[in-house]
C-alpha atoms as a PDB file:
ATOM      1  CA  MET A   1       3.066 -10.700  -1.825  1.00  0.00           C
ATOM      2  CA  LEU A   2       4.776 -13.486  -3.692  1.00  0.00           C
ATOM      3  CA  ARG A   3       1.675 -16.017  -2.686  1.00  0.00           C
ATOM      4  CA  GLY A   4      -0.716 -13.107  -3.758  1.00  0.00           C
ATOM      5  CA  GLU A   5      -2.054 -12.837  -0.194  1.00  0.00           C
ATOM      6  CA  LYS A   6      -0.970  -9.017  -0.599  1.00  0.00           C
ATOM      7  CA  THR A   7      -2.094  -7.247  -3.704  1.00  0.00           C
ATOM      8  CA  ALA A   8      -2.159  -3.448  -2.146  1.00  0.00           C
ATOM      9  CA  THR A   9      -0.413  -0.876  -0.370  1.00  0.00           C
ATOM     10  CA  ALA A  10      -0.921   2.209   1.601  1.00  0.00           C
ATOM     11  CA  GLY A  11       1.265   5.618   1.991  1.00  0.00           C
ATOM     12  CA  LEU A  12       0.617   8.887   3.224  1.00  0.00           C
ATOM     13  CA  HIS A  13      -0.226  10.871   0.396  1.00  0.00           C
ATOM     14  CA  GLY A  14       2.359  14.099  -0.148  1.00  0.00           C
ATOM     15  CA  VAL A  15       4.782  13.383   2.502  1.00  0.00           C
ATOM     16  CA  SER A  16       8.071  13.060  -0.383  1.00  0.00           C
ATOM     17  CA  GLU A  17       8.228  14.944  -3.213  1.00  0.00           C
ATOM     18  CA  GLU A  18      10.956  12.563  -4.397  1.00  0.00           C
ATOM     19  CA  GLU A  19       7.789   9.593  -3.858  1.00  0.00           C
ATOM     20  CA  PRO A  20       4.933  10.587  -5.952  1.00  0.00           C
ATOM     21  CA  THR A  21       1.803   8.639  -6.568  1.00  0.00           C
ATOM     22  CA  PRO A  22       2.186   6.087  -8.691  1.00  0.00           C
ATOM     23  CA  ASP A  23       0.354   5.712 -12.110  1.00  0.00           C
ATOM     24  CA  PRO A  24      -1.738   2.253 -12.921  1.00  0.00           C
ATOM     25  CA  GLY A  25       0.542   0.804 -15.466  1.00  0.00           C
ATOM     26  CA  ASP A  26       4.078   2.136 -13.433  1.00  0.00           C
ATOM     27  CA  ARG A  27       6.332  -1.005 -13.000  1.00  0.00           C
ATOM     28  CA  PHE A  28       8.509  -1.695  -9.784  1.00  0.00           C
ATOM     29  CA  VAL A  29      11.484  -4.121  -8.501  1.00  0.00           C
ATOM     30  CA  VAL A  30      10.535  -4.861  -5.230  1.00  0.00           C
ATOM     31  CA  GLU A  31      13.293  -6.450  -2.477  1.00  0.00           C
ATOM     32  CA  ASP A  32      13.315  -8.289   0.305  1.00  0.00           C
ATOM     33  CA  GLU A  33      14.537  -7.129   3.695  1.00  0.00           C
ATOM     34  CA  THR A  34      18.106  -8.338   2.324  1.00  0.00           C
ATOM     35  CA  GLY A  35      17.330  -5.996  -0.462  1.00  0.00           C
ATOM     36  CA  THR A  36      17.967  -9.083  -3.172  1.00  0.00           C
ATOM     37  CA  PRO A  37      15.230  -8.229  -5.791  1.00  0.00           C
ATOM     38  CA  ARG A  38      12.160 -10.161  -5.462  1.00  0.00           C
ATOM     39  CA  ALA A  39       9.688  -9.356  -8.251  1.00  0.00           C
ATOM     40  CA  ILE A  40       8.495  -6.755 -10.545  1.00  0.00           C
ATOM     41  CA  VAL A  41       5.185  -5.280 -10.133  1.00  0.00           C
ATOM     42  CA  GLU A  42       2.721  -3.270 -11.731  1.00  0.00           C
ATOM     43  CA  VAL A  43       0.625  -0.927 -10.409  1.00  0.00           C
ATOM     44  CA  THR A  44      -3.348  -1.438 -11.573  1.00  0.00           C
ATOM     45  CA  GLU A  45      -5.138   1.413  -9.849  1.00  0.00           C
ATOM     46  CA  ALA A  46      -3.536   4.400  -7.487  1.00  0.00           C
ATOM     47  CA  ARG A  47      -6.224   6.763  -5.631  1.00  0.00           C
ATOM     48  CA  VAL A  48      -5.786   9.551  -3.351  1.00  0.00           C
ATOM     49  CA  ILE A  49      -8.422   9.150  -1.039  1.00  0.00           C
ATOM     50  CA  PRO A  50      -9.012  10.645   2.815  1.00  0.00           C
ATOM     51  CA  ALA A  51      -8.513   7.778   5.009  1.00  0.00           C
ATOM     52  CA  SER A  52     -12.166   7.703   6.198  1.00  0.00           C
ATOM     53  CA  GLU A  53     -12.414   5.868   2.694  1.00  0.00           C
ATOM     54  CA  VAL A  54     -10.335   2.941   3.430  1.00  0.00           C
ATOM     55  CA  ASP A  55     -12.799   0.140   3.417  1.00  0.00           C
ATOM     56  CA  LEU A  56     -12.842  -3.610   4.862  1.00  0.00           C
ATOM     57  CA  GLN A  57     -11.403  -4.786   1.678  1.00  0.00           C
ATOM     58  CA  PHE A  58      -8.663  -2.713   1.325  1.00  0.00           C
ATOM     59  CA  ALA A  59      -7.432  -3.247   4.418  1.00  0.00           C
ATOM     60  CA  LYS A  60      -7.566  -7.096   3.919  1.00  0.00           C
ATOM     61  CA  ASP A  61      -6.003  -6.620   0.329  1.00  0.00           C
ATOM     62  CA  GLU A  62      -3.070  -5.463   2.056  1.00  0.00           C
ATOM     63  CA  GLY A  63      -2.122  -9.079   3.300  1.00  0.00           C
ATOM     64  CA  GLU A  64      -1.412  -8.174   6.700  1.00  0.00           C
ATOM     65  CA  GLY A  65      -3.831 -10.006   8.499  1.00  0.00           C
ATOM     66  CA  PHE A  66      -6.264  -7.053   9.018  1.00  0.00           C
ATOM     67  CA  GLU A  67      -9.822  -7.982   9.814  1.00  0.00           C
ATOM     68  CA  SER A  68     -11.012  -4.273  10.836  1.00  0.00           C
ATOM     69  CA  VAL A  69     -10.458  -0.950   9.311  1.00  0.00           C
ATOM     70  CA  GLU A  70      -9.722  -0.253  13.032  1.00  0.00           C
ATOM     71  CA  ALA A  71      -6.869  -2.774  12.792  1.00  0.00           C
ATOM     72  CA  TRP A  72      -5.236  -1.235   9.694  1.00  0.00           C
ATOM     73  CA  ARG A  73      -5.229   2.384  10.991  1.00  0.00           C
ATOM     74  CA  ASP A  74      -3.782   1.465  14.380  1.00  0.00           C
ATOM     75  CA  ALA A  75      -1.146  -0.603  12.542  1.00  0.00           C
ATOM     76  CA  HIS A  76      -0.473   2.518   9.629  1.00  0.00           C
ATOM     77  CA  GLU A  77      -0.924   4.900  12.838  1.00  0.00           C
ATOM     78  CA  ARG A  78       2.364   2.767  14.387  1.00  0.00           C
ATOM     79  CA  PHE A  79       4.224   2.309  11.232  1.00  0.00           C
ATOM     80  CA  PHE A  80       3.996   6.132  10.064  1.00  0.00           C
ATOM     81  CA  GLU A  81       4.564   7.183  13.496  1.00  0.00           C
ATOM     82  CA  ARG A  82       1.656   9.697  13.667  1.00  0.00           C
ATOM     83  CA  THR A  83      -2.431   9.596  13.859  1.00  0.00           C
ATOM     84  CA  ILE A  84      -4.232   8.957  10.871  1.00  0.00           C
ATOM     85  CA  GLU A  85      -7.277  11.308  11.221  1.00  0.00           C
ATOM     86  CA  PRO A  86     -10.405  11.037   9.070  1.00  0.00           C
ATOM     87  CA  ASP A  87      -9.568  13.571   6.415  1.00  0.00           C
ATOM     88  CA  THR A  88      -5.998  12.372   6.476  1.00  0.00           C
ATOM     89  CA  LEU A  89      -4.991  11.343   2.564  1.00  0.00           C
ATOM     90  CA  ILE A  90      -3.777   7.989   1.720  1.00  0.00           C
ATOM     91  CA  ASP A  91      -2.007   6.596  -1.457  1.00  0.00           C
ATOM     92  CA  ALA A  92      -4.324   3.535  -1.571  1.00  0.00           C
ATOM     93  CA  ILE A  93      -2.713   1.583  -4.527  1.00  0.00           C
ATOM     94  CA  ARG A  94      -3.381  -1.816  -6.010  1.00  0.00           C
ATOM     95  CA  PHE A  95      -0.932  -3.986  -8.273  1.00  0.00           C
ATOM     96  CA  ARG A  96       0.053  -7.319  -9.320  1.00  0.00           C
ATOM     97  CA  VAL A  97       2.922  -9.321  -9.493  1.00  0.00           C
ATOM     98  CA  VAL A  98       4.202  -9.828 -13.532  1.00  0.00           C
ATOM     99  CA  GLU A  99       7.247 -11.385 -13.054  1.00  0.00           C
ATOM    100  CA  ARG A 100       9.166 -13.355  -9.794  1.00  0.00           C
ATOM    101  CA  LEU A 101      12.914 -12.994  -9.583  1.00  0.00           C
END
């Protein structure tokens, strides 16, 4: 993300009422694996879409090296520990780094 390779992220929609889909303009502090704040990011786009609408560009923009939508789906099924059906709702979020901390 700090190198600009990750400009998108995906989540399962509606899984937690504590984490609603963000709105464009929302800002968040991003921490590294040790909990140290590393950046402030701003949401530039937030859409709720069925998994079948995740395209290759979005998969690549997640910055994880996905070369296909199938690879994206497989990785997210492992992460979410559930099957992602074509109609599974996904929070498709795009963001930009506004400040490095």
